[in-house]
């Protein structure tokens, strides 16, 4: 006898299916592009352990965009990163944190910010002269 699936069960079923992709960031990223509904289900899964994936560290800016205290600290340290408004509170999805991965990623992000900052400064000097 076949069981009936109620419409109210579909989000839970989708979430269970997408959790199978937890170690496949490329597939999860593709899922967020399918529809708003898939995006709402996939984003929390994708962002629960973002530091474990090998990718460019620019996603750190997403975290800082929702953390006001950290933004102030960055400004005090003269790190002028531009943060855009985000749809999701990405930091709220964090469930796993490997401190060595965090350290590596933050160092890479700081280096990118410094290269960008000095690159803009050098560009400004060249344009002025």
N, C-alpha and C. Protein backbone atom coordinates (compact mmCIF):
# COMPACT_ATOMS: atom_id res chain seq x y z
N UNK A 1 0.84 -1.18 0.00
CA UNK A 1 0.00 0.00 0.00
C UNK A 1 0.89 1.25 0.00
N UNK A 2 0.64 2.15 -0.89
CA UNK A 2 1.43 3.37 -0.98
C UNK A 2 1.00 4.36 0.09
N UNK A 3 1.98 5.06 0.64
CA UNK A 3 1.65 6.07 1.64
C UNK A 3 1.46 7.41 0.93
N UNK A 4 0.66 8.26 1.54
CA UNK A 4 0.40 9.57 0.97
C UNK A 4 1.38 10.57 1.56
N UNK A 5 1.83 11.48 0.72
CA UNK A 5 2.69 12.56 1.18
C UNK A 5 1.85 13.82 1.20
N UNK A 6 1.80 14.46 2.34
CA UNK A 6 1.05 15.70 2.46
C UNK A 6 1.95 16.86 2.06
N UNK A 7 1.35 17.89 1.51
CA UNK A 7 2.10 19.06 1.06
C UNK A 7 2.92 19.67 2.18
N UNK A 8 2.45 19.59 3.41
CA UNK A 8 3.19 20.15 4.54
C UNK A 8 4.48 19.40 4.83
N UNK A 9 4.59 18.16 4.33
CA UNK A 9 5.79 17.35 4.56
C UNK A 9 6.90 17.64 3.55
N UNK A 10 6.58 18.29 2.46
CA UNK A 10 7.55 18.47 1.39
C UNK A 10 8.78 19.27 1.82
N UNK A 11 8.66 20.39 2.55
CA UNK A 11 9.88 21.09 2.97
C UNK A 11 10.80 20.21 3.82
N UNK A 12 10.23 19.42 4.70
CA UNK A 12 11.03 18.53 5.53
C UNK A 12 11.70 17.45 4.68
N UNK A 13 10.98 16.91 3.72
CA UNK A 13 11.56 15.91 2.82
C UNK A 13 12.68 16.51 1.97
N UNK A 14 12.45 17.71 1.46
CA UNK A 14 13.47 18.40 0.67
C UNK A 14 14.72 18.62 1.50
N UNK A 15 14.53 19.05 2.73
CA UNK A 15 15.67 19.30 3.61
C UNK A 15 16.46 18.01 3.84
N UNK A 16 15.77 16.91 4.07
CA UNK A 16 16.45 15.63 4.26
C UNK A 16 17.22 15.20 3.01
N UNK A 17 16.63 15.44 1.86
CA UNK A 17 17.30 15.09 0.60
C UNK A 17 18.55 15.96 0.40
N UNK A 18 18.42 17.26 0.65
CA UNK A 18 19.55 18.17 0.44
C UNK A 18 20.66 17.96 1.47
N UNK A 19 20.32 17.46 2.65
CA UNK A 19 21.35 17.19 3.66
C UNK A 19 22.32 16.10 3.20
N UNK A 20 21.87 15.28 2.27
CA UNK A 20 22.75 14.25 1.71
C UNK A 20 23.92 14.91 0.96
N UNK A 21 23.70 16.12 0.47
CA UNK A 21 24.71 16.85 -0.29
C UNK A 21 25.63 17.69 0.58
N UNK A 22 25.61 17.47 1.88
CA UNK A 22 26.33 18.34 2.82
C UNK A 22 27.82 18.49 2.49
N UNK A 23 28.44 17.47 1.95
CA UNK A 23 29.87 17.54 1.63
C UNK A 23 30.13 17.91 0.17
N UNK A 24 29.10 18.29 -0.54
CA UNK A 24 29.24 18.64 -1.94
C UNK A 24 28.78 20.09 -2.14
N UNK A 25 29.68 21.02 -1.87
CA UNK A 25 29.31 22.44 -1.92
C UNK A 25 28.88 22.88 -3.31
N UNK A 26 29.45 22.29 -4.36
CA UNK A 26 29.08 22.69 -5.72
C UNK A 26 27.62 22.33 -6.02
N UNK A 27 27.20 21.16 -5.60
CA UNK A 27 25.81 20.75 -5.82
C UNK A 27 24.86 21.60 -4.98
N UNK A 28 25.24 21.87 -3.74
CA UNK A 28 24.40 22.73 -2.89
C UNK A 28 24.29 24.13 -3.48
N UNK A 29 25.39 24.64 -4.00
CA UNK A 29 25.35 25.95 -4.63
C UNK A 29 24.40 25.94 -5.82
N UNK A 30 24.42 24.88 -6.59
CA UNK A 30 23.49 24.76 -7.72
C UNK A 30 22.05 24.74 -7.24
N UNK A 31 21.81 24.10 -6.10
CA UNK A 31 20.45 24.03 -5.55
C UNK A 31 19.91 25.40 -5.17
N UNK A 32 20.78 26.30 -4.70
CA UNK A 32 20.27 27.62 -4.30
C UNK A 32 19.82 28.43 -5.51
N UNK A 33 20.24 28.02 -6.69
CA UNK A 33 19.87 28.74 -7.91
C UNK A 33 18.58 28.23 -8.55
N UNK A 34 18.02 27.15 -8.02
CA UNK A 34 16.82 26.54 -8.62
C UNK A 34 15.59 27.41 -8.38
N UNK A 35 15.34 27.75 -7.13
CA UNK A 35 14.17 28.57 -6.80
C UNK A 35 14.36 29.17 -5.41
N UNK A 36 13.49 30.08 -5.04
CA UNK A 36 13.58 30.67 -3.69
C UNK A 36 13.39 29.62 -2.62
N UNK A 37 12.48 28.71 -2.85
CA UNK A 37 12.20 27.66 -1.88
C UNK A 37 13.44 26.78 -1.67
N UNK A 38 14.07 26.36 -2.75
CA UNK A 38 15.27 25.54 -2.64
C UNK A 38 16.40 26.34 -1.99
N UNK A 39 16.45 27.62 -2.30
CA UNK A 39 17.48 28.48 -1.72
C UNK A 39 17.32 28.55 -0.20
N UNK A 40 16.09 28.76 0.28
CA UNK A 40 15.84 28.85 1.72
C UNK A 40 16.22 27.56 2.45
N UNK A 41 16.10 26.44 1.78
CA UNK A 41 16.45 25.16 2.39
C UNK A 41 17.95 24.89 2.27
N UNK A 42 18.56 25.27 1.17
CA UNK A 42 19.97 24.94 0.90
C UNK A 42 20.97 25.83 1.63
N UNK A 43 20.65 27.11 1.76
CA UNK A 43 21.60 28.06 2.37
C UNK A 43 22.02 27.63 3.78
N UNK A 44 21.09 27.29 4.68
CA UNK A 44 21.53 26.86 6.02
C UNK A 44 22.44 25.63 5.99
N UNK A 45 22.21 24.73 5.07
CA UNK A 45 23.06 23.53 4.96
C UNK A 45 24.43 23.93 4.43
N UNK A 46 24.45 24.79 3.43
CA UNK A 46 25.70 25.21 2.81
C UNK A 46 26.58 26.01 3.78
N UNK A 47 25.95 26.79 4.66
CA UNK A 47 26.69 27.68 5.54
C UNK A 47 26.88 27.14 6.96
N UNK A 48 26.56 25.88 7.21
CA UNK A 48 26.74 25.37 8.57
C UNK A 48 28.20 25.04 8.88
N UNK A 49 29.03 24.85 7.86
CA UNK A 49 30.47 24.61 8.07
C UNK A 49 31.25 25.18 6.88
N UNK A 50 31.18 26.49 6.66
CA UNK A 50 31.76 27.07 5.45
C UNK A 50 33.29 27.07 5.42
N UNK A 51 33.93 27.00 6.58
CA UNK A 51 35.39 27.08 6.62
C UNK A 51 36.06 25.78 6.19
N UNK A 52 35.31 24.70 6.10
CA UNK A 52 35.90 23.42 5.72
C UNK A 52 36.07 23.29 4.21
N UNK A 53 35.39 24.12 3.43
CA UNK A 53 35.50 24.05 1.98
C UNK A 53 36.69 24.87 1.50
N UNK A 54 37.36 24.36 0.50
CA UNK A 54 38.46 25.10 -0.12
C UNK A 54 37.86 26.07 -1.14
N UNK A 55 37.83 27.33 -0.78
CA UNK A 55 37.34 28.34 -1.70
C UNK A 55 37.95 29.68 -1.33
N UNK A 56 37.73 30.65 -2.16
CA UNK A 56 38.27 31.99 -1.88
C UNK A 56 37.66 32.51 -0.59
N UNK A 57 38.46 33.19 0.21
CA UNK A 57 37.99 33.61 1.53
C UNK A 57 37.08 34.84 1.53
N UNK A 58 36.60 35.26 0.38
CA UNK A 58 35.76 36.45 0.33
C UNK A 58 34.42 36.26 1.05
N UNK A 59 34.03 35.01 1.29
CA UNK A 59 32.77 34.78 1.99
C UNK A 59 32.83 35.29 3.43
N UNK A 60 34.02 35.55 3.96
CA UNK A 60 34.15 36.10 5.31
C UNK A 60 33.41 37.44 5.39
N UNK A 61 33.43 38.18 4.32
CA UNK A 61 32.72 39.47 4.30
C UNK A 61 31.23 39.29 4.56
N UNK A 62 30.67 38.17 4.13
CA UNK A 62 29.25 37.89 4.40
C UNK A 62 28.99 37.80 5.90
N UNK A 63 29.93 37.16 6.60
CA UNK A 63 29.77 37.05 8.05
C UNK A 63 29.84 38.43 8.70
N UNK A 64 30.84 39.22 8.31
CA UNK A 64 31.00 40.54 8.92
C UNK A 64 29.83 41.47 8.60
N UNK A 65 29.18 41.25 7.49
CA UNK A 65 28.07 42.13 7.12
C UNK A 65 26.92 42.05 8.10
N UNK A 66 26.80 40.94 8.82
CA UNK A 66 25.70 40.81 9.78
C UNK A 66 26.16 40.95 11.23
N UNK A 67 27.43 41.20 11.45
CA UNK A 67 27.96 41.32 12.81
C UNK A 67 28.46 42.75 13.03
N UNK A 68 27.64 43.57 13.62
CA UNK A 68 27.94 45.00 13.78
C UNK A 68 29.21 45.25 14.59
N UNK A 69 29.39 44.53 15.70
CA UNK A 69 30.57 44.74 16.55
C UNK A 69 31.86 44.46 15.78
N UNK A 70 31.86 43.41 14.98
CA UNK A 70 33.04 43.07 14.21
C UNK A 70 33.32 44.12 13.13
N UNK A 71 32.28 44.69 12.60
CA UNK A 71 32.45 45.73 11.59
C UNK A 71 33.16 46.95 12.20
N UNK A 72 32.76 47.31 13.42
CA UNK A 72 33.38 48.44 14.11
C UNK A 72 34.86 48.14 14.38
N UNK A 73 35.16 46.92 14.82
CA UNK A 73 36.56 46.55 15.07
C UNK A 73 37.40 46.63 13.79
N UNK A 74 36.83 46.20 12.69
CA UNK A 74 37.56 46.28 11.42
C UNK A 74 37.86 47.73 11.06
N UNK A 75 36.89 48.60 11.28
CA UNK A 75 37.11 50.01 10.98
C UNK A 75 38.18 50.60 11.88
N UNK A 76 38.21 50.20 13.15
CA UNK A 76 39.25 50.68 14.07
C UNK A 76 40.64 50.23 13.63
N UNK A 77 40.71 49.06 13.03
CA UNK A 77 42.00 48.54 12.53
C UNK A 77 42.30 49.03 11.12
N UNK A 78 41.49 49.97 10.64
CA UNK A 78 41.64 50.57 9.32
C UNK A 78 41.55 49.55 8.19
N UNK A 79 40.70 48.55 8.39
CA UNK A 79 40.40 47.60 7.31
C UNK A 79 39.07 48.06 6.74
N UNK A 80 39.13 48.65 5.56
CA UNK A 80 37.95 49.26 4.96
C UNK A 80 37.27 48.31 3.98
N UNK A 81 36.74 47.24 4.51
CA UNK A 81 36.00 46.31 3.66
C UNK A 81 34.59 46.84 3.46
N UNK A 82 34.10 46.73 2.26
CA UNK A 82 32.74 47.18 1.97
C UNK A 82 31.80 46.00 2.13
N UNK A 83 30.78 46.19 2.95
CA UNK A 83 29.83 45.12 3.21
C UNK A 83 28.47 45.50 2.65
N UNK A 84 27.91 44.60 1.89
CA UNK A 84 26.58 44.85 1.36
C UNK A 84 25.55 44.16 2.25
N UNK A 85 24.33 44.63 2.17
CA UNK A 85 23.24 43.98 2.91
C UNK A 85 23.04 42.58 2.37
N UNK A 86 22.74 41.66 3.28
CA UNK A 86 22.52 40.28 2.86
C UNK A 86 21.09 39.87 3.16
N UNK A 87 20.61 38.89 2.44
CA UNK A 87 19.26 38.37 2.64
C UNK A 87 19.22 37.48 3.87
N UNK A 88 20.30 36.74 4.10
CA UNK A 88 20.35 35.78 5.20
C UNK A 88 21.32 36.25 6.28
N UNK A 89 21.09 35.80 7.50
CA UNK A 89 22.04 35.99 8.59
C UNK A 89 22.96 34.77 8.58
N UNK A 90 23.97 34.81 7.74
CA UNK A 90 24.82 33.64 7.51
C UNK A 90 25.46 33.11 8.78
N UNK A 91 25.87 34.00 9.66
CA UNK A 91 26.54 33.56 10.90
C UNK A 91 25.62 32.71 11.77
N UNK A 92 24.32 32.90 11.65
CA UNK A 92 23.39 32.13 12.48
C UNK A 92 23.31 30.66 12.06
N UNK A 93 23.79 30.32 10.87
CA UNK A 93 23.74 28.94 10.38
C UNK A 93 24.95 28.11 10.80
N UNK A 94 25.98 28.76 11.34
CA UNK A 94 27.21 28.07 11.70
C UNK A 94 26.97 27.02 12.77
N UNK A 95 27.35 25.77 12.47
CA UNK A 95 27.18 24.67 13.42
C UNK A 95 28.49 23.97 13.73
N UNK A 96 29.47 24.07 12.84
CA UNK A 96 30.76 23.41 13.04
C UNK A 96 31.86 24.42 12.77
N UNK A 97 32.87 24.41 13.63
CA UNK A 97 33.95 25.38 13.48
C UNK A 97 35.29 24.72 13.80
N UNK A 98 36.10 24.56 12.78
CA UNK A 98 37.46 24.06 12.94
C UNK A 98 38.35 25.30 13.04
N UNK A 99 38.97 25.51 14.20
CA UNK A 99 39.72 26.74 14.43
C UNK A 99 40.92 26.89 13.49
N UNK A 100 41.55 25.80 13.11
CA UNK A 100 42.68 25.91 12.19
C UNK A 100 42.20 26.36 10.80
N UNK A 101 41.05 25.86 10.36
CA UNK A 101 40.48 26.31 9.08
C UNK A 101 40.05 27.77 9.17
N UNK A 102 39.48 28.15 10.30
CA UNK A 102 39.08 29.54 10.51
C UNK A 102 40.29 30.46 10.43
N UNK A 103 41.36 30.08 11.13
CA UNK A 103 42.57 30.90 11.14
C UNK A 103 43.14 31.06 9.73
N UNK A 104 43.24 29.96 9.01
CA UNK A 104 43.76 29.99 7.64
C UNK A 104 42.91 30.89 6.75
N UNK A 105 41.60 30.75 6.85
CA UNK A 105 40.70 31.52 5.99
C UNK A 105 40.74 33.00 6.32
N UNK A 106 40.78 33.34 7.61
CA UNK A 106 40.84 34.75 8.00
C UNK A 106 42.15 35.38 7.55
N UNK A 107 43.25 34.66 7.68
CA UNK A 107 44.54 35.19 7.20
C UNK A 107 44.49 35.45 5.69
N UNK A 108 43.92 34.53 4.94
CA UNK A 108 43.79 34.72 3.49
C UNK A 108 42.91 35.92 3.18
N UNK A 109 41.82 36.09 3.95
CA UNK A 109 40.91 37.21 3.73
C UNK A 109 41.62 38.53 4.02
N UNK A 110 42.37 38.59 5.12
CA UNK A 110 43.10 39.82 5.47
C UNK A 110 44.11 40.15 4.37
N UNK A 111 44.82 39.15 3.88
CA UNK A 111 45.77 39.39 2.80
C UNK A 111 45.08 39.92 1.55
N UNK A 112 43.92 39.38 1.22
CA UNK A 112 43.16 39.89 0.07
C UNK A 112 42.73 41.33 0.29
N UNK A 113 42.29 41.65 1.51
CA UNK A 113 41.85 43.01 1.81
C UNK A 113 43.03 43.98 1.72
N UNK A 114 44.20 43.56 2.20
CA UNK A 114 45.39 44.41 2.14
C UNK A 114 45.84 44.62 0.71
N UNK A 115 45.84 43.58 -0.09
CA UNK A 115 46.21 43.70 -1.50
C UNK A 115 45.25 44.65 -2.20
N UNK A 116 43.96 44.51 -1.92
CA UNK A 116 42.96 45.39 -2.52
C UNK A 116 43.18 46.83 -2.08
N UNK A 117 43.45 47.03 -0.78
CA UNK A 117 43.66 48.37 -0.24
C UNK A 117 44.89 49.02 -0.86
N UNK A 118 46.02 48.29 -0.86
CA UNK A 118 47.24 48.86 -1.42
C UNK A 118 47.14 49.00 -2.93
N UNK A 119 46.45 48.11 -3.57
CA UNK A 119 46.24 48.21 -5.00
C UNK A 119 45.48 49.47 -5.36
N UNK A 120 44.45 49.80 -4.58
CA UNK A 120 43.68 51.02 -4.81
C UNK A 120 44.53 52.25 -4.54
N UNK A 121 45.36 52.19 -3.49
CA UNK A 121 46.22 53.33 -3.16
C UNK A 121 47.21 53.59 -4.28
N UNK A 122 47.82 52.53 -4.79
CA UNK A 122 48.78 52.68 -5.89
C UNK A 122 48.07 53.20 -7.13
N UNK A 123 46.87 52.70 -7.41
CA UNK A 123 46.09 53.17 -8.55
C UNK A 123 45.79 54.66 -8.42
N UNK A 124 45.42 55.09 -7.21
CA UNK A 124 45.12 56.51 -6.97
C UNK A 124 46.34 57.37 -7.24
N UNK A 125 47.50 56.93 -6.80
CA UNK A 125 48.74 57.69 -7.02
C UNK A 125 49.04 57.77 -8.51
N UNK A 126 48.87 56.68 -9.23
CA UNK A 126 49.13 56.67 -10.67
C UNK A 126 48.18 57.60 -11.41
N UNK A 127 46.90 57.59 -11.03
CA UNK A 127 45.91 58.43 -11.69
C UNK A 127 46.18 59.90 -11.42
N UNK A 128 46.60 60.23 -10.20
CA UNK A 128 46.86 61.63 -9.84
C UNK A 128 48.03 62.17 -10.65
N UNK A 129 49.07 61.36 -10.85
CA UNK A 129 50.25 61.82 -11.58
C UNK A 129 50.13 61.39 -12.99
